[in-house]
Amino acid sequence: MKKSLVSFLKSDQGALSLLLGVSALLLLFGLGARELWGPETRWANIALQMLQTGDYFDPYLKGMPYYDKPLPSYWLITATAHLMGGLGHWSLRLPSVLSAWLSVWLVYLIGEQLYRKGTGLIAGWFLATTFFFVFWARVATADILTVCGVLGAVWWYWRGPNDTRLSRYLVFFLILALTSLFKGLIGFILPGLILLPHLLGEGRWKNHLNPRLCLALLVAGAFYMLPFLLSHRYGTPTYEQSGLDLVFRENVVRFFHPFDQFGPIYTYLLYLPVYTLPWAPCWILGLWVAVRSWKHTEPNVRWLIGGLGLLFLFFTASGSRRSYYVLPLVPFAQLLAAWWVTRRMAEREAAGKVSGPGWTKGIAGAAVFLWLILGVVYPWTNGGDGGVMQFTKDVRAEASKTAPWNEWRLVLVDVDNKLPMYLQNHGSPFYYVLPDSDLPKTGGSPALMAWLEKKSGERWNPERTIIFEQYEDINRLPLGYLTADHQLITTRPNNGARLFHAHESGSAAYIPKVRTDG
C-alpha cells in the first residue's frame, strides 16, 4: 500500500494531485476563524445588502449607492451564500479561494505546456507557497479573481495560438469579458499585454485579422454589457449611480488623472520582489540569465519576459498605484523562476551531478510556514473571548433573552463596516446613520427614537431596536446616555490585542432593558 502510494505521487497525476491538495489546505485552513479585514468589509456589506433586500442590481454600502465594481464579483458571493445557507466567512471568501486554487492549476498547465517537463509543477508549487498570493487569496476581493481570469485567457491562447476558428475566439474573448466584470477593464488589457510579444513575433497577428475575430469580439462585448443593462432595466429607478460611468471613472480617469492611491513611480519595482517572496531571487536570477544570453534564450522565455515587461510598464504608467495591484504579475514571475530552476537542474544533470532534495525541502518549509502563519497564528490572534465576532455573539445572546433574534431592528451609527455581516438576523435591513447626521447626543432614548421615526418615515418599536456605535475611548461614548434604560455591551480585546497591548477602537451595543411591572 505504501509502495503504491509512493509510486502514485511520483507520477504526473500524483504530483499534480499533491500540489492541488496542499494548495487547498493552505487556502482553506483557518479561513473562517479570522475577522473581516480591510477591503473585504465592502464586499461583505454590499453582498449582505443584496441578500437582505433582494435587490441584486443596485449595490449599496452602508445604505448609500456604491457602484465601485461591476456586479458579478458581488453575485459570486451571494451565490455561495445561498448555497451555504447564509453569508459568512466561508461563503464570503470562497470565490477568491477557488480562483486562487484554479490559478495554481493554470500555472501548472502553462508551465508544462511551454517549457521543459517539471517547470509547471515547480511554478505551481512556487505560486502556492508565495506568501502574499496566499494571503490575498484568503481575502474577499476581486483581485485574485482577476489573476485567475488572466491566467485562464493565457492558458486558452497557448492551447492553439495559430487556431483561427470562431469557437477559439469566442471562448478567449468571453474569458476576457468575464474577467473584466469582476474588477474592471484590465480583464481585457492585461491578457492582451502579456500575449502581445508573441502576437507581434513573426507577424502572427496578421493571421487573426478576420471576420470571425470581430464576431467573437461583438459577442463578448454584448456579454460584458449584460449586467449593466440588467441593472439599468431592473434596478431601482432612483438609484444615483451608473455602472458604466463608474467603469470609465475607475479605469480610464484613474489611469491618467488619479484621485487617490498615489504611490511613487518605483512602487512596483519594490513590491514585485516583495510579493513573490520567498522565490523572488529565482525569477531575478532567471531574468539575468535570459537577458545575458538573449539570442540563445528559448522563444517562449523571451515571450514571458516581454509580457512581464509590458505589464510592469502598464502598471507603472498608471498614476494610481497600490502594492497589491502587482498581483497579476506574480504567477508569470514564478513561471520565470521555475524555468530558471529546471534549467539549472538540467545543467547539473548534464554535468553528471545529481540534484539534491534542497528544492523539495525549501518548498515544504515554505508551505509549513504559510500554514502556521495564515492558517494558525493569524486566526488565533482574532480569537479568545474578545474581538468583533465574540462581541456580536454576546449581543445576539443577550438580545435573544428578550425576543427572537430575527425580530430585532438594528440601527448602525457610523459603525465599523465589519459589523453588519456578523449581525445579520434575516429580519429587516439595517438602518444606517451617517457620520454627518444630526443624531441627538442628549435627551434620552425617547428623543433618539423620535429622531429615527422622523428621518426614516417609519414606526419604530423601542423595545425591539438595538443601537450600535463606534468609540475611540470607552469612557467617552457619544450615546452613553442610553445606558439609563439600555444594557451596554462593548468590544473586548482579542488575543492579538492582548498580546501586543494594542489599543483599538471598539463598538458598543445598546439593548433595551426588560421592563418589570411594579
Protein backbone atom coordinates (compact mmCIF):
# COMPACT_ATOMS: atom_id res chain seq x y z
CA MET A 1 0.00 0.00 0.00
CA LYS A 2 2.79 2.38 0.99
CA LYS A 3 4.77 1.48 -2.11
CA SER A 4 1.80 2.05 -4.41
CA LEU A 5 1.16 5.48 -2.81
CA VAL A 6 4.78 6.50 -3.33
CA SER A 7 4.59 5.32 -6.95
CA PHE A 8 1.41 7.32 -7.47
CA LEU A 9 2.93 10.50 -6.04
CA LYS A 10 5.91 10.13 -8.36
CA SER A 11 3.62 10.01 -11.39
CA ASP A 12 2.48 13.16 -13.17
CA GLN A 13 -1.09 12.70 -11.95
CA GLY A 14 0.05 12.04 -8.39
CA ALA A 15 2.38 15.05 -8.34
CA LEU A 16 -0.42 17.32 -9.56
CA SER A 17 -2.84 15.84 -7.01
CA LEU A 18 -0.36 16.52 -4.20
CA LEU A 19 0.13 20.11 -5.41
CA LEU A 20 -3.60 20.79 -5.58
CA GLY A 21 -4.27 19.05 -2.27
CA VAL A 22 -1.65 21.02 -0.36
CA SER A 23 -2.79 24.22 -2.08
CA ALA A 24 -6.34 23.60 -0.88
CA LEU A 25 -5.07 23.05 2.67
CA LEU A 26 -3.10 26.30 2.64
CA LEU A 27 -6.05 28.23 1.25
CA LEU A 28 -8.79 26.78 3.45
CA PHE A 29 -7.28 26.00 6.85
CA GLY A 30 -8.48 28.52 9.44
CA LEU A 31 -10.35 30.51 6.78
CA GLY A 32 -13.45 31.01 8.89
CA ALA A 33 -11.66 31.90 12.12
CA ARG A 34 -10.42 35.34 11.04
CA GLU A 35 -12.41 38.54 11.32
CA LEU A 36 -13.10 40.68 8.28
CA TRP A 37 -10.08 42.61 7.16
CA GLY A 38 -9.51 45.72 5.07
CA PRO A 39 -11.31 45.89 1.72
CA GLU A 40 -13.31 42.70 2.15
CA THR A 41 -15.62 44.58 4.51
CA ARG A 42 -17.00 46.40 1.45
CA TRP A 43 -17.81 43.17 -0.35
CA ALA A 44 -19.44 41.78 2.79
CA ASN A 45 -21.64 44.83 3.30
CA ILE A 46 -22.72 45.11 -0.33
CA ALA A 47 -23.46 41.39 -0.65
CA LEU A 48 -25.42 41.40 2.59
CA GLN A 49 -27.48 44.39 1.46
CA MET A 50 -28.36 42.45 -1.71
CA LEU A 51 -29.35 39.39 0.28
CA GLN A 52 -31.46 41.39 2.72
CA THR A 53 -33.35 43.47 0.18
CA GLY A 54 -33.47 41.08 -2.78
CA ASP A 55 -32.11 43.88 -4.98
CA TYR A 56 -29.11 42.40 -6.83
CA PHE A 57 -28.73 45.22 -9.35
CA ASP A 58 -28.09 48.25 -7.11
CA PRO A 59 -25.03 47.89 -4.84
CA TYR A 60 -25.18 49.84 -1.58
CA LEU A 61 -22.51 50.37 1.06
CA LYS A 62 -23.77 51.41 4.49
CA GLY A 63 -27.06 52.43 2.95
CA MET A 64 -25.51 54.61 0.25
CA PRO A 65 -25.15 53.85 -3.51
CA TYR A 66 -21.72 52.35 -4.16
CA TYR A 67 -21.20 51.05 -7.71
CA ASP A 68 -17.43 50.83 -7.29
CA LYS A 69 -17.04 47.44 -9.03
CA PRO A 70 -19.15 45.56 -11.60
CA LEU A 71 -21.90 43.37 -10.17
CA PRO A 72 -20.63 39.79 -10.82
CA SER A 73 -17.98 39.93 -8.06
CA TYR A 74 -20.85 40.51 -5.60
CA TRP A 75 -23.05 37.93 -7.30
CA LEU A 76 -20.45 35.23 -6.76
CA ILE A 77 -20.58 35.91 -3.02
CA THR A 78 -24.38 35.98 -2.88
CA ALA A 79 -24.47 32.73 -4.87
CA THR A 80 -22.16 30.96 -2.43
CA ALA A 81 -24.18 32.46 0.44
CA HIS A 82 -27.34 30.88 -0.95
CA LEU A 83 -25.58 27.54 -1.41
CA MET A 84 -24.09 27.58 2.10
CA GLY A 85 -27.18 28.78 3.93
CA GLY A 86 -26.18 32.37 4.58
CA LEU A 87 -23.41 34.93 4.34
CA GLY A 88 -20.42 34.04 6.49
CA HIS A 89 -16.65 33.92 6.33
CA TRP A 90 -16.64 30.85 4.13
CA SER A 91 -19.24 31.98 1.63
CA LEU A 92 -17.68 35.45 1.54
CA ARG A 93 -14.14 34.26 0.81
CA LEU A 94 -14.79 31.08 -1.15
CA PRO A 95 -14.83 32.73 -4.63
CA SER A 96 -11.33 34.13 -4.03
CA VAL A 97 -10.10 30.81 -2.63
CA LEU A 98 -11.42 28.82 -5.58
CA SER A 99 -9.92 31.34 -8.01
CA ALA A 100 -6.52 31.02 -6.32
CA TRP A 101 -6.71 27.23 -6.37
CA LEU A 102 -7.60 27.28 -10.06
CA SER A 103 -4.74 29.76 -10.67
CA VAL A 104 -2.23 27.28 -9.26
CA TRP A 105 -3.59 24.64 -11.63
CA LEU A 106 -3.45 27.02 -14.61
CA VAL A 107 0.16 27.97 -13.88
CA TYR A 108 0.98 24.28 -13.79
CA LEU A 109 -0.70 23.73 -17.18
CA ILE A 110 1.00 26.73 -18.81
CA GLY A 111 4.43 25.77 -17.50
CA GLU A 112 4.16 22.13 -18.55
CA GLN A 113 2.94 23.14 -22.00
CA LEU A 114 5.53 25.79 -22.83
CA TYR A 115 8.70 24.66 -21.06
CA ARG A 116 10.62 21.52 -20.19
CA LYS A 117 8.92 18.84 -18.13
CA GLY A 118 8.62 19.73 -14.46
CA THR A 119 8.54 23.50 -14.98
CA GLY A 120 4.79 23.74 -14.48
CA LEU A 121 4.93 21.65 -11.33
CA ILE A 122 7.62 23.83 -9.78
CA ALA A 123 5.82 27.00 -10.89
CA GLY A 124 2.65 25.71 -9.27
CA TRP A 125 4.47 24.99 -6.01
CA PHE A 126 6.15 28.39 -6.11
CA LEU A 127 2.82 30.15 -6.59
CA ALA A 128 1.07 28.05 -3.93
CA THR A 129 3.79 28.92 -1.39
CA THR A 130 4.08 32.61 -2.26
CA PHE A 131 3.14 34.43 0.93
CA PHE A 132 1.25 37.41 -0.46
CA PHE A 133 -0.53 35.37 -3.13
CA VAL A 134 -1.96 33.05 -0.47
CA PHE A 135 -2.65 35.99 1.83
CA TRP A 136 -4.77 37.82 -0.75
CA ALA A 137 -6.37 34.55 -1.87
CA ARG A 138 -7.91 34.34 1.61
CA VAL A 139 -9.34 37.87 1.38
CA ALA A 140 -12.73 38.56 -0.19
CA THR A 141 -11.90 40.99 -3.00
CA ALA A 142 -11.85 40.84 -6.80
CA ASP A 143 -8.04 40.85 -7.17
CA ILE A 144 -7.46 37.10 -7.21
CA LEU A 145 -10.48 36.67 -9.48
CA THR A 146 -8.65 38.92 -11.94
CA VAL A 147 -5.44 36.90 -11.63
CA CYS A 148 -7.35 33.71 -12.38
CA GLY A 149 -9.09 35.23 -15.37
CA VAL A 150 -5.83 36.48 -16.87
CA LEU A 151 -4.22 33.06 -16.43
CA GLY A 152 -7.27 31.39 -17.94
CA ALA A 153 -7.07 33.58 -21.04
CA VAL A 154 -3.32 32.97 -21.44
CA TRP A 155 -3.74 29.22 -20.99
CA TRP A 156 -6.53 29.11 -23.58
CA TYR A 157 -4.47 31.11 -26.07
CA TRP A 158 -1.48 28.78 -25.78
CA ARG A 159 -3.64 25.72 -26.42
CA GLY A 160 -3.78 26.86 -30.04
CA PRO A 161 -2.03 30.17 -30.75
CA ASN A 162 -2.48 29.78 -34.50
CA ASP A 163 -6.05 28.48 -34.34
CA THR A 164 -8.44 30.88 -36.08
CA ARG A 165 -11.72 29.05 -35.55
CA LEU A 166 -14.69 31.05 -34.26
CA SER A 167 -15.07 28.81 -31.21
CA ARG A 168 -11.49 29.54 -30.14
CA TYR A 169 -12.03 33.28 -30.39
CA LEU A 170 -15.39 33.09 -28.62
CA VAL A 171 -14.03 31.29 -25.56
CA PHE A 172 -10.99 33.58 -25.37
CA PHE A 173 -12.94 36.83 -25.50
CA LEU A 174 -15.67 35.56 -23.19
CA ILE A 175 -12.94 34.83 -20.62
CA LEU A 176 -11.71 38.41 -21.04
CA ALA A 177 -15.25 39.80 -20.69
CA LEU A 178 -15.96 37.75 -17.56
CA THR A 179 -12.64 38.81 -16.01
CA SER A 180 -13.45 42.45 -16.73
CA LEU A 181 -16.79 42.03 -14.96
CA PHE A 182 -15.00 41.18 -11.72
CA LYS A 183 -12.80 44.25 -11.28
CA GLY A 184 -12.65 46.37 -14.41
CA LEU A 185 -11.40 46.70 -17.97
CA ILE A 186 -7.95 45.39 -17.02
CA GLY A 187 -9.54 42.00 -17.68
CA PHE A 188 -9.25 42.87 -21.37
CA ILE A 189 -6.00 44.82 -21.15
CA LEU A 190 -3.71 42.54 -19.12
CA PRO A 191 -4.06 39.36 -21.22
CA GLY A 192 -3.58 41.47 -24.35
CA LEU A 193 -0.36 42.94 -23.00
CA ILE A 194 1.09 39.63 -21.80
CA LEU A 195 0.37 37.98 -25.18
CA LEU A 196 1.36 40.95 -27.35
CA PRO A 197 5.05 39.99 -27.73
CA HIS A 198 4.07 36.59 -29.12
CA LEU A 199 1.44 38.04 -31.44
CA LEU A 200 3.90 40.57 -32.85
CA GLY A 201 6.59 37.94 -33.36
CA GLU A 202 6.77 36.70 -36.95
CA GLY A 203 3.66 38.70 -37.82
CA ARG A 204 1.29 36.25 -36.09
CA TRP A 205 -1.24 39.00 -35.51
CA LYS A 206 -1.99 39.13 -39.23
CA ASN A 207 -3.46 35.61 -39.13
CA HIS A 208 -6.04 36.77 -36.61
CA LEU A 209 -7.35 39.74 -38.57
CA ASN A 210 -10.50 38.07 -39.85
CA PRO A 211 -14.31 38.41 -39.57
CA ARG A 212 -14.51 35.59 -37.01
CA LEU A 213 -12.44 37.56 -34.52
CA CYS A 214 -14.68 40.61 -34.99
CA LEU A 215 -17.80 38.50 -34.46
CA ALA A 216 -16.35 36.99 -31.28
CA LEU A 217 -15.50 40.48 -30.02
CA LEU A 218 -19.07 41.62 -30.59
CA VAL A 219 -20.48 38.63 -28.70
CA ALA A 220 -18.04 39.18 -25.81
CA GLY A 221 -18.90 42.89 -25.78
CA ALA A 222 -22.60 42.08 -25.51
CA PHE A 223 -21.86 39.61 -22.72
CA TYR A 224 -19.88 42.29 -20.87
CA MET A 225 -22.70 44.80 -21.22
CA LEU A 226 -25.38 42.39 -20.00
CA PRO A 227 -25.08 43.04 -16.20
CA PHE A 228 -25.10 46.80 -16.78
CA LEU A 229 -28.19 46.53 -18.97
CA LEU A 230 -29.92 44.34 -16.41
CA SER A 231 -29.01 46.84 -13.71
CA HIS A 232 -30.49 49.66 -15.76
CA ARG A 233 -33.61 47.67 -16.63
CA TYR A 234 -34.42 46.06 -13.30
CA GLY A 235 -32.62 48.29 -10.80
CA THR A 236 -34.23 50.99 -8.74
CA PRO A 237 -35.19 53.94 -10.99
CA THR A 238 -33.97 56.43 -8.37
CA TYR A 239 -30.54 54.79 -7.99
CA GLU A 240 -28.00 57.60 -8.22
CA GLN A 241 -25.02 55.89 -9.87
CA SER A 242 -24.34 54.38 -13.28
CA GLY A 243 -22.18 51.27 -13.53
CA LEU A 244 -20.75 52.30 -16.89
CA ASP A 245 -19.90 55.76 -15.60
CA LEU A 246 -18.00 54.18 -12.73
CA VAL A 247 -16.18 51.86 -15.16
CA PHE A 248 -14.97 54.89 -17.09
CA ARG A 249 -14.01 56.74 -13.92
CA GLU A 250 -12.23 53.82 -12.27
CA ASN A 251 -10.43 52.51 -15.38
CA VAL A 252 -9.76 55.48 -17.62
CA VAL A 253 -9.89 58.63 -15.49
CA ARG A 254 -7.99 56.96 -12.62
CA PHE A 255 -5.23 55.80 -15.01
CA PHE A 256 -4.48 59.27 -16.38
CA HIS A 257 -5.75 61.51 -13.57
CA PRO A 258 -5.76 59.51 -10.33
CA PHE A 259 -7.88 60.82 -7.49
CA ASP A 260 -6.45 58.52 -4.81
CA GLN A 261 -3.85 55.78 -4.23
CA PHE A 262 -0.85 57.93 -5.16
CA GLY A 263 2.09 55.53 -4.94
CA PRO A 264 5.57 56.62 -6.11
CA ILE A 265 6.67 55.67 -9.61
CA TYR A 266 9.01 53.00 -8.23
CA THR A 267 6.17 51.28 -6.33
CA TYR A 268 6.22 48.05 -8.33
CA LEU A 269 9.99 47.94 -8.54
CA LEU A 270 9.85 47.42 -4.78
CA TYR A 271 6.69 45.37 -4.45
CA LEU A 272 7.15 42.82 -7.24
CA PRO A 273 10.10 41.22 -5.39
CA VAL A 274 8.22 41.50 -2.08
CA TYR A 275 5.05 39.94 -3.50
CA THR A 276 7.00 36.99 -4.95
CA LEU A 277 8.78 36.05 -1.72
CA PRO A 278 10.27 33.64 -0.83
CA TRP A 279 11.04 32.85 -4.50
CA ALA A 280 11.95 36.35 -5.73
CA PRO A 281 15.69 35.52 -6.07
CA CYS A 282 14.83 32.73 -8.52
CA TRP A 283 12.99 34.85 -11.05
CA ILE A 284 15.52 37.66 -10.70
CA LEU A 285 18.33 35.20 -11.48
CA GLY A 286 16.24 33.78 -14.32
CA LEU A 287 15.78 37.26 -15.76
CA TRP A 288 19.52 37.90 -15.53
CA VAL A 289 20.40 34.59 -17.23
CA ALA A 290 17.85 35.05 -20.03
CA VAL A 291 18.77 38.67 -20.81
CA ARG A 292 22.51 37.97 -20.68
CA SER A 293 22.19 35.37 -23.46
CA TRP A 294 19.07 36.77 -25.08
CA LYS A 295 19.72 35.45 -28.61
CA HIS A 296 20.10 31.92 -27.31
CA THR A 297 17.19 32.06 -24.89
CA GLU A 298 14.14 29.95 -25.72
CA PRO A 299 11.46 31.88 -27.65
CA ASN A 300 8.80 31.12 -25.04
CA VAL A 301 11.03 32.55 -22.32
CA ARG A 302 11.59 35.69 -24.37
CA TRP A 303 7.81 35.97 -24.73
CA LEU A 304 7.37 35.60 -20.98
CA ILE A 305 9.90 38.30 -20.19
CA GLY A 306 8.47 40.62 -22.84
CA GLY A 307 4.95 40.15 -21.49
CA LEU A 308 6.07 40.70 -17.91
CA GLY A 309 7.85 43.87 -19.00
CA LEU A 310 4.73 45.24 -20.67
CA LEU A 311 2.61 44.50 -17.61
CA PHE A 312 5.18 46.20 -15.41
CA LEU A 313 5.27 49.28 -17.65
CA PHE A 314 1.48 49.45 -17.79
CA PHE A 315 1.04 49.45 -14.03
CA THR A 316 3.92 51.87 -13.57
CA ALA A 317 2.47 54.26 -16.17
CA SER A 318 -0.79 54.46 -14.25
CA GLY A 319 -0.87 57.35 -11.81
CA SER A 320 -2.87 55.23 -9.35
CA ARG A 321 -0.55 52.72 -7.66
CA ARG A 322 -1.03 50.33 -4.75
CA SER A 323 1.13 47.43 -3.65
CA TYR A 324 -1.39 44.65 -4.37
CA TYR A 325 -2.01 45.87 -7.93
CA VAL A 326 1.13 43.89 -8.73
CA LEU A 327 -0.65 40.56 -8.09
CA PRO A 328 -1.35 39.76 -11.79
CA LEU A 329 2.43 39.77 -12.41
CA VAL A 330 3.17 37.25 -9.65
CA PRO A 331 2.21 33.99 -11.48
CA PHE A 332 4.27 34.93 -14.52
CA ALA A 333 7.25 35.88 -12.37
CA GLN A 334 7.01 32.46 -10.72
CA LEU A 335 6.90 30.81 -14.14
CA LEU A 336 10.18 32.55 -14.93
CA ALA A 337 11.56 31.40 -11.59
CA ALA A 338 10.53 27.81 -12.31
CA TRP A 339 12.16 27.98 -15.76
CA TRP A 340 15.45 29.03 -14.16
CA VAL A 341 15.25 26.20 -11.58
CA THR A 342 14.52 23.47 -14.14
CA ARG A 343 17.24 24.87 -16.41
CA ARG A 344 19.74 24.72 -13.58
CA MET A 345 18.69 21.17 -12.73
CA ALA A 346 19.13 20.14 -16.35
CA GLU A 347 22.61 21.67 -16.44
CA ARG A 348 23.59 19.78 -13.29
CA GLU A 349 22.32 16.51 -14.71
CA ALA A 350 24.19 17.14 -17.96
CA ALA A 351 27.36 17.65 -15.92
CA GLY A 352 26.81 14.33 -14.13
CA LYS A 353 25.69 15.91 -10.88
CA VAL A 354 22.61 14.74 -9.03
CA SER A 355 20.23 17.43 -7.82
CA GLY A 356 19.73 17.14 -4.07
CA PRO A 357 16.47 17.45 -2.13
CA GLY A 358 17.08 21.13 -1.39
CA TRP A 359 14.23 22.46 -3.54
CA THR A 360 11.80 19.92 -2.12
CA LYS A 361 12.75 20.86 1.44
CA GLY A 362 12.54 24.57 0.64
CA ILE A 363 9.04 24.26 -0.82
CA ALA A 364 7.92 22.07 2.09
CA GLY A 365 9.33 24.60 4.55
CA ALA A 366 7.55 27.47 2.83
CA ALA A 367 4.27 25.53 2.87
CA VAL A 368 4.56 24.78 6.58
CA PHE A 369 5.41 28.41 7.31
CA LEU A 370 2.37 29.65 5.40
CA TRP A 371 0.13 27.12 7.13
CA LEU A 372 1.36 28.20 10.56
CA ILE A 373 1.18 31.96 9.94
CA LEU A 374 -2.01 32.29 7.86
CA GLY A 375 -3.85 29.18 8.98
CA VAL A 376 -2.99 29.03 12.69
CA VAL A 377 -1.34 32.13 14.17
CA TYR A 378 -3.30 34.81 12.30
CA PRO A 379 -6.73 33.28 13.11
CA TRP A 380 -5.62 32.76 16.73
CA THR A 381 -4.91 36.48 17.13
CA ASN A 382 -8.56 37.09 16.21
CA GLY A 383 -9.80 34.63 18.80
CA GLY A 384 -10.13 34.47 22.55
CA ASP A 385 -13.06 35.98 24.39
CA GLY A 386 -12.82 39.28 22.51
CA GLY A 387 -12.95 40.84 19.08
CA VAL A 388 -15.81 41.60 16.72
CA MET A 389 -17.04 38.04 16.34
CA GLN A 390 -17.30 37.49 20.09
CA PHE A 391 -18.92 40.90 20.52
CA THR A 392 -21.72 40.04 18.10
CA LYS A 393 -22.21 36.64 19.74
CA ASP A 394 -22.63 38.42 23.07
CA VAL A 395 -25.14 40.87 21.56
CA ARG A 396 -27.17 38.12 19.94
CA ALA A 397 -27.20 36.01 23.10
CA GLU A 398 -28.35 38.91 25.27
CA ALA A 399 -30.98 40.16 22.82
CA SER A 400 -32.38 36.65 22.34
CA LYS A 401 -33.23 36.52 26.06
CA THR A 402 -35.94 39.10 25.38
CA ALA A 403 -37.15 38.22 21.88
CA PRO A 404 -36.20 36.01 18.91
CA TRP A 405 -33.15 37.39 17.12
CA ASN A 406 -34.95 37.94 13.82
CA GLU A 407 -37.49 40.27 15.48
CA TRP A 408 -34.89 42.91 16.32
CA ARG A 409 -34.29 46.02 14.21
CA LEU A 410 -30.65 47.11 14.08
CA VAL A 411 -29.51 50.74 13.85
CA LEU A 412 -25.85 51.29 12.96
CA VAL A 413 -24.49 54.71 13.88
CA ASP A 414 -21.31 55.12 11.77
CA VAL A 415 -20.34 51.60 12.82
CA ASP A 416 -17.29 49.71 11.61
CA ASN A 417 -18.00 48.03 8.27
CA LYS A 418 -17.23 44.67 9.88
CA LEU A 419 -20.40 44.59 11.96
CA PRO A 420 -23.32 44.16 9.52
CA MET A 421 -22.28 40.72 8.26
CA TYR A 422 -21.81 39.45 11.79
CA LEU A 423 -25.12 40.93 12.92
CA GLN A 424 -27.35 39.59 10.17
CA ASN A 425 -30.60 38.33 11.64
CA HIS A 426 -32.59 37.68 8.45
CA GLY A 427 -35.02 40.37 9.59
CA SER A 428 -35.43 43.95 8.41
CA PRO A 429 -32.42 45.54 6.66
CA PHE A 430 -30.04 47.57 8.78
CA TYR A 431 -30.73 51.26 9.23
CA TYR A 432 -27.56 53.32 8.80
CA VAL A 433 -26.93 56.68 10.45
CA LEU A 434 -24.16 58.52 8.61
CA PRO A 435 -21.39 60.47 10.42
CA ASP A 436 -22.64 63.92 9.38
CA SER A 437 -26.20 63.35 10.62
CA ASP A 438 -27.85 65.46 13.31
CA LEU A 439 -28.39 62.48 15.58
CA PRO A 440 -29.31 63.75 19.09
CA LYS A 441 -26.47 63.36 21.58
CA THR A 442 -28.65 64.25 24.58
CA GLY A 443 -32.27 63.92 25.65
CA GLY A 444 -32.53 60.20 26.32
CA SER A 445 -33.83 57.31 24.26
CA PRO A 446 -37.30 58.84 23.53
CA ALA A 447 -35.61 61.73 21.71
CA LEU A 448 -33.48 59.29 19.74
CA MET A 449 -36.46 57.15 18.72
CA ALA A 450 -38.40 60.26 17.71
CA TRP A 451 -35.47 61.33 15.55
CA LEU A 452 -35.31 57.88 13.91
CA GLU A 453 -39.00 57.96 13.05
CA LYS A 454 -38.69 61.43 11.58
CA LYS A 455 -35.65 60.56 9.46
CA SER A 456 -36.81 57.15 8.25
CA GLY A 457 -40.54 57.87 7.93
CA GLU A 458 -41.19 54.55 9.70
CA ARG A 459 -42.63 53.46 13.00
CA TRP A 460 -40.05 52.07 15.42
CA ASN A 461 -40.60 49.76 18.37
CA PRO A 462 -38.16 50.99 21.04
CA GLU A 463 -38.33 47.61 22.80
CA ARG A 464 -37.10 45.79 19.66
CA THR A 465 -34.39 48.20 18.49
CA ILE A 466 -30.66 47.78 19.14
CA ILE A 467 -28.40 50.79 18.63
CA PHE A 468 -24.74 50.35 17.68
CA GLU A 469 -21.98 52.94 17.66
CA GLN A 470 -18.19 53.10 17.44
CA TYR A 471 -15.91 54.62 20.01
CA GLU A 472 -12.26 55.54 20.41
CA ASP A 473 -12.46 55.91 24.19
CA ILE A 474 -14.87 53.71 26.11
CA ASN A 475 -15.14 56.40 28.78
CA ARG A 476 -16.47 58.90 26.22
CA LEU A 477 -19.36 57.19 24.45
CA PRO A 478 -21.36 59.67 22.33
CA LEU A 479 -24.59 57.77 23.02
CA GLY A 480 -23.71 56.85 26.57
CA TYR A 481 -26.93 58.46 27.82
CA LEU A 482 -28.80 55.40 26.52
CA THR A 483 -27.47 53.33 29.42
CA ALA A 484 -30.25 54.80 31.54
CA ASP A 485 -32.69 52.31 30.03
CA HIS A 486 -30.43 50.13 27.84
CA GLN A 487 -27.90 47.43 28.60
CA LEU A 488 -24.43 48.27 27.27
CA ILE A 489 -22.24 45.64 25.59
CA THR A 490 -18.80 46.63 24.28
CA THR A 491 -16.00 45.01 22.33
CA ARG A 492 -13.37 43.24 24.40
CA PRO A 493 -9.71 42.80 23.29
CA ASN A 494 -8.94 39.66 21.31
CA ASN A 495 -5.79 37.53 21.62
CA GLY A 496 -3.78 39.76 19.30
CA ALA A 497 -4.71 42.99 21.08
CA ARG A 498 -3.84 41.48 24.44
CA LEU A 499 -0.57 40.01 23.19
CA PHE A 500 0.67 43.25 21.63
CA HIS A 501 -1.05 45.57 24.13
CA ALA A 502 -2.72 47.30 21.21
CA HIS A 503 -5.36 49.97 21.68
CA GLU A 504 -8.12 49.55 19.14
CA SER A 505 -11.37 51.37 18.54
CA GLY A 506 -14.39 49.37 19.56
CA SER A 507 -18.11 49.05 19.09
CA ALA A 508 -20.91 49.46 21.60
CA ALA A 509 -24.38 47.95 21.53
CA TYR A 510 -27.35 49.33 23.45
CA ILE A 511 -30.03 46.70 24.10
CA PRO A 512 -33.32 47.81 25.71
CA LYS A 513 -33.65 46.61 29.28
CA VAL A 514 -36.54 44.32 30.08
CA ARG A 515 -39.32 46.22 31.79
CA THR A 516 -40.61 44.82 35.05
CA ASP A 517 -44.08 45.59 36.42
CA GLY A 518 -44.46 47.24 39.80
